Amino acid sequence: MKYITEKVDHTLLKAVATWEDIKKICDEAKELQVASICIPPAYVKQASDYLKNEIPVCTVIGFPLGYNTTKVKIEEAKDAIQNGAKEIDMVINIGDAKAGLFDKIEDEIREIKNAVGDNILKVIIETCYLTDDEKIALCKSVSNAKADFIKTSTGFGTNGATLEDIKLMRENVSKDVGIKAAGGVKTIDDAESFIKEGATRLGTSSICKILKNQQVTEY
């Protein structure tokens, strides 16, 4: 079980999420000792105070479309860190990617990474909207900007993570950049497959519920 749970960002980003819902995943996260909880910015302070550093709090920036200006994303990230977040999942401007403005995207990632400092920055590229060439270019942008992770999806797009995308990322990001599969990681088999292909984090709302009721055999 541990080889899965230690990679899970236990996620709740539904529009109707209440503090009671967030508190529940905090408790599940503590029980299973996951990598982090990933929650809306509005709940970061409450969750951080509740967890008392037992589990890192992750939140989303420029979510889910990435259209916020860089200045706004930086202020969002700073505010989240001040409220106790240890990990930031930012969304790139996907329109910039479709326009081939990869230097602009790289500069934005670098600025946000500078703003969050030693805290973890994950970059969501929303693979469902991209060609393979665009994905490869973004792997280079993320690597050059020294982000900590590249992440497949918001979970709000037309599709989530695929094994093919994880393989492509592993082949094209620098070796010190982690890979987060998100959207579509719903079963233990999914989790195992993504990990085997190279995912080092899993963004999921399903796995913890399954793991609480199922014994997983270690490799």
Protein backbone atom coordinates (compact mmCIF):
# COMPACT_ATOMS: atom_id res chain seq x y z
CA MET A 1 0.00 0.00 0.00
CA LYS A 2 2.73 2.48 0.94
CA TYR A 3 4.31 2.61 -2.53
CA ILE A 4 1.00 4.01 -3.79
CA THR A 5 -0.09 6.20 -0.89
CA GLU A 6 3.28 7.96 -0.66
CA LYS A 7 2.69 9.20 -4.22
CA VAL A 8 -0.95 10.28 -3.84
CA ASP A 9 -2.11 13.90 -3.76
CA HIS A 10 -5.50 13.23 -2.17
CA THR A 11 -7.65 15.66 -4.13
CA LEU A 12 -10.93 17.48 -3.67
CA LEU A 13 -11.56 20.34 -6.09
CA LYS A 14 -15.31 20.13 -6.61
CA ALA A 15 -17.17 23.42 -6.83
CA VAL A 16 -19.54 22.33 -4.04
CA ALA A 17 -16.84 21.24 -1.59
CA THR A 18 -17.51 22.39 1.98
CA TRP A 19 -15.15 22.55 4.96
CA GLU A 20 -16.68 19.31 6.26
CA ASP A 21 -15.74 17.64 2.97
CA ILE A 22 -12.21 19.03 3.17
CA LYS A 23 -11.89 17.95 6.81
CA LYS A 24 -12.85 14.41 5.80
CA ILE A 25 -10.04 14.14 3.25
CA CYS A 26 -7.64 15.63 5.80
CA ASP A 27 -8.53 12.76 8.13
CA GLU A 28 -8.17 10.20 5.34
CA ALA A 29 -4.82 11.72 4.39
CA LYS A 30 -3.54 11.40 7.95
CA GLU A 31 -4.73 7.82 8.21
CA LEU A 32 -3.06 6.74 4.96
CA GLN A 33 -0.05 9.11 5.10
CA VAL A 34 -0.37 10.39 1.54
CA ALA A 35 2.02 12.81 -0.16
CA SER A 36 -0.36 15.77 0.20
CA ILE A 37 -3.95 16.92 0.04
CA CYS A 38 -4.85 19.05 -2.98
CA ILE A 39 -7.68 21.48 -2.21
CA PRO A 40 -9.13 24.85 -3.28
CA PRO A 41 -7.21 27.96 -2.13
CA ALA A 42 -10.12 29.12 0.06
CA TYR A 43 -9.57 26.17 2.42
CA VAL A 44 -5.77 26.22 2.66
CA LYS A 45 -5.57 28.14 5.95
CA GLN A 46 -8.19 25.98 7.69
CA ALA A 47 -6.65 22.76 6.42
CA SER A 48 -3.12 23.82 7.35
CA ASP A 49 -4.20 24.71 10.86
CA TYR A 50 -6.12 21.44 11.18
CA LEU A 51 -3.32 19.22 9.87
CA LYS A 52 -0.57 20.97 11.85
CA ASN A 53 2.11 20.05 9.28
CA GLU A 54 1.34 16.32 9.51
CA ILE A 55 0.40 16.25 5.81
CA PRO A 56 1.49 18.91 3.29
CA VAL A 57 -1.27 21.07 1.84
CA CYS A 58 -1.28 21.58 -1.93
CA THR A 59 -3.50 24.05 -3.76
CA VAL A 60 -4.22 25.15 -7.32
CA ILE A 61 -3.30 28.44 -9.00
CA GLY A 62 -4.78 29.86 -12.20
CA PHE A 63 -7.22 26.99 -12.04
CA PRO A 64 -8.68 25.48 -14.14
CA LEU A 65 -8.12 27.42 -17.39
CA GLY A 66 -4.77 29.13 -16.78
CA TYR A 67 -5.94 32.46 -18.19
CA ASN A 68 -5.02 34.57 -15.17
CA THR A 69 -2.17 36.99 -15.77
CA THR A 70 1.25 36.09 -14.44
CA LYS A 71 0.99 38.82 -11.82
CA VAL A 72 -2.27 37.37 -10.50
CA LYS A 73 -0.86 33.84 -10.45
CA ILE A 74 2.16 35.04 -8.48
CA GLU A 75 -0.05 36.77 -5.91
CA GLU A 76 -2.28 33.70 -5.68
CA ALA A 77 0.77 31.54 -5.06
CA LYS A 78 2.22 33.89 -2.44
CA ASP A 79 -1.11 34.07 -0.64
CA ALA A 80 -1.39 30.27 -0.61
CA ILE A 81 2.12 29.92 0.83
CA GLN A 82 1.36 32.50 3.51
CA ASN A 83 -1.75 30.50 4.41
CA GLY A 84 0.29 27.33 4.86
CA ALA A 85 0.45 25.64 1.45
CA LYS A 86 3.65 23.68 0.82
CA GLU A 87 2.85 22.72 -2.77
CA ILE A 88 1.42 24.75 -5.66
CA ASP A 89 -0.18 23.29 -8.79
CA MET A 90 -0.33 26.04 -11.42
CA VAL A 91 -2.06 25.96 -14.81
CA ILE A 92 -0.23 27.33 -17.82
CA ASN A 93 -1.96 29.61 -20.33
CA ILE A 94 -3.01 26.90 -22.77
CA GLY A 95 -3.75 29.48 -25.45
CA ASP A 96 -0.09 30.52 -25.30
CA ALA A 97 0.91 26.90 -25.83
CA LYS A 98 -1.37 26.60 -28.87
CA ALA A 99 0.20 29.81 -30.21
CA GLY A 100 3.70 28.39 -29.76
CA LEU A 101 4.69 30.95 -27.12
CA PHE A 102 6.78 28.50 -25.11
CA ASP A 103 9.36 31.10 -24.03
CA LYS A 104 6.55 33.16 -22.50
CA ILE A 105 5.24 30.11 -20.65
CA GLU A 106 8.74 29.28 -19.44
CA ASP A 107 9.19 32.81 -18.11
CA GLU A 108 5.89 32.60 -16.22
CA ILE A 109 6.79 29.26 -14.64
CA ARG A 110 10.19 30.64 -13.61
CA GLU A 111 8.61 33.72 -12.01
CA ILE A 112 6.15 31.62 -10.04
CA LYS A 113 8.87 29.21 -8.96
CA ASN A 114 10.91 32.16 -7.72
CA ALA A 115 7.86 33.37 -5.80
CA VAL A 116 7.26 30.02 -4.04
CA GLY A 117 10.94 29.42 -3.30
CA ASP A 118 11.69 26.06 -1.72
CA ASN A 119 8.05 25.03 -1.80
CA ILE A 120 7.05 22.55 -4.50
CA LEU A 121 5.74 23.84 -7.83
CA LYS A 122 3.84 21.55 -10.19
CA VAL A 123 2.94 22.76 -13.69
CA ILE A 124 -0.34 21.61 -15.23
CA ILE A 125 -0.15 21.56 -19.03
CA GLU A 126 -3.60 20.03 -19.76
CA THR A 127 -2.44 17.35 -22.20
CA CYS A 128 -5.90 16.68 -23.67
CA TYR A 129 -5.67 19.92 -25.67
CA LEU A 130 -2.11 19.47 -26.94
CA THR A 131 -0.25 17.77 -29.76
CA ASP A 132 2.76 15.60 -28.95
CA ASP A 133 5.08 18.31 -30.27
CA GLU A 134 3.45 20.85 -27.93
CA LYS A 135 3.76 18.47 -25.00
CA ILE A 136 7.46 17.97 -25.75
CA ALA A 137 8.03 21.72 -25.98
CA LEU A 138 6.31 22.20 -22.63
CA CYS A 139 8.44 19.48 -21.05
CA LYS A 140 11.43 21.60 -22.02
CA SER A 141 9.82 24.80 -20.69
CA VAL A 142 9.06 23.16 -17.34
CA SER A 143 12.57 21.71 -17.13
CA ASN A 144 14.30 24.97 -18.05
CA ALA A 145 12.22 26.95 -15.53
CA LYS A 146 13.27 24.55 -12.73
CA ALA A 147 9.76 23.57 -11.68
CA ASP A 148 9.54 20.49 -9.49
CA PHE A 149 6.85 18.57 -11.38
CA ILE A 150 5.02 18.52 -14.68
CA LYS A 151 1.36 17.52 -14.33
CA THR A 152 -0.89 16.13 -17.03
CA SER A 153 -4.30 17.56 -16.28
CA THR A 154 -6.67 19.63 -14.19
CA GLY A 155 -9.34 16.94 -14.22
CA PHE A 156 -11.67 19.53 -15.73
CA GLY A 157 -10.59 19.11 -19.36
CA THR A 158 -11.91 16.74 -22.01
CA ASN A 159 -9.64 13.92 -20.84
CA GLY A 160 -7.21 13.11 -18.06
CA ALA A 161 -3.86 11.39 -17.82
CA THR A 162 -2.89 8.65 -20.26
CA LEU A 163 -0.04 6.17 -20.07
CA GLU A 164 1.22 7.45 -23.42
CA ASP A 165 1.51 10.98 -22.03
CA ILE A 166 3.40 9.80 -18.95
CA LYS A 167 5.86 7.92 -21.16
CA LEU A 168 6.30 10.97 -23.41
CA MET A 169 6.94 13.20 -20.42
CA ARG A 170 9.43 10.81 -18.89
CA GLU A 171 11.38 10.83 -22.15
CA ASN A 172 11.42 14.62 -22.44
CA VAL A 173 11.60 16.26 -19.00
CA SER A 174 14.88 16.59 -17.17
CA LYS A 175 15.64 13.79 -14.73
CA ASP A 176 15.07 16.00 -11.68
CA VAL A 177 11.49 16.90 -12.71
CA GLY A 178 8.76 14.69 -11.27
CA ILE A 179 5.65 13.67 -13.18
CA LYS A 180 2.12 13.92 -11.80
CA ALA A 181 -0.68 11.96 -13.44
CA ALA A 182 -4.09 13.48 -12.75
CA GLY A 183 -7.59 12.92 -14.03
CA GLY A 184 -8.56 9.31 -14.63
CA VAL A 185 -6.54 7.69 -11.84
CA LYS A 186 -9.53 5.83 -10.45
CA THR A 187 -8.43 2.28 -9.61
CA ILE A 188 -5.49 0.46 -8.05
CA ASP A 189 -4.64 -0.91 -11.50
CA ASP A 190 -4.58 2.66 -12.86
CA ALA A 191 -2.26 3.75 -10.06
CA GLU A 192 0.11 0.84 -10.58
CA SER A 193 0.20 1.37 -14.35
CA PHE A 194 0.98 5.07 -14.07
CA ILE A 195 3.70 4.45 -11.49
CA LYS A 196 5.30 1.76 -13.65
CA GLU A 197 5.31 4.14 -16.61
CA GLY A 198 7.11 6.83 -14.60
CA ALA A 199 4.56 8.87 -12.63
CA THR A 200 5.95 10.00 -9.28
CA ARG A 201 2.74 11.64 -8.06
CA LEU A 202 -0.92 10.73 -8.57
CA GLY A 203 -3.67 13.32 -8.35
CA THR A 204 -6.82 11.41 -7.44
CA SER A 205 -10.00 11.58 -5.41
CA SER A 206 -10.66 7.83 -5.63
CA ILE A 207 -7.58 5.89 -4.57
CA CYS A 208 -7.69 6.64 -0.84
CA LYS A 209 -11.26 5.41 -0.57
CA ILE A 210 -10.27 2.18 -2.32
CA LEU A 211 -7.11 1.70 -0.29
CA LYS A 212 -9.01 1.97 2.97
CA ASN A 213 -10.93 -1.14 1.96
CA GLN A 214 -8.41 -3.14 -0.02
CA GLN A 215 -5.06 -4.71 0.74
CA VAL A 216 -2.51 -3.87 -1.97
CA THR A 217 0.40 -6.21 -2.56
CA GLU A 218 3.78 -4.50 -2.67
CA TYR A 219 6.00 -5.03 -5.71
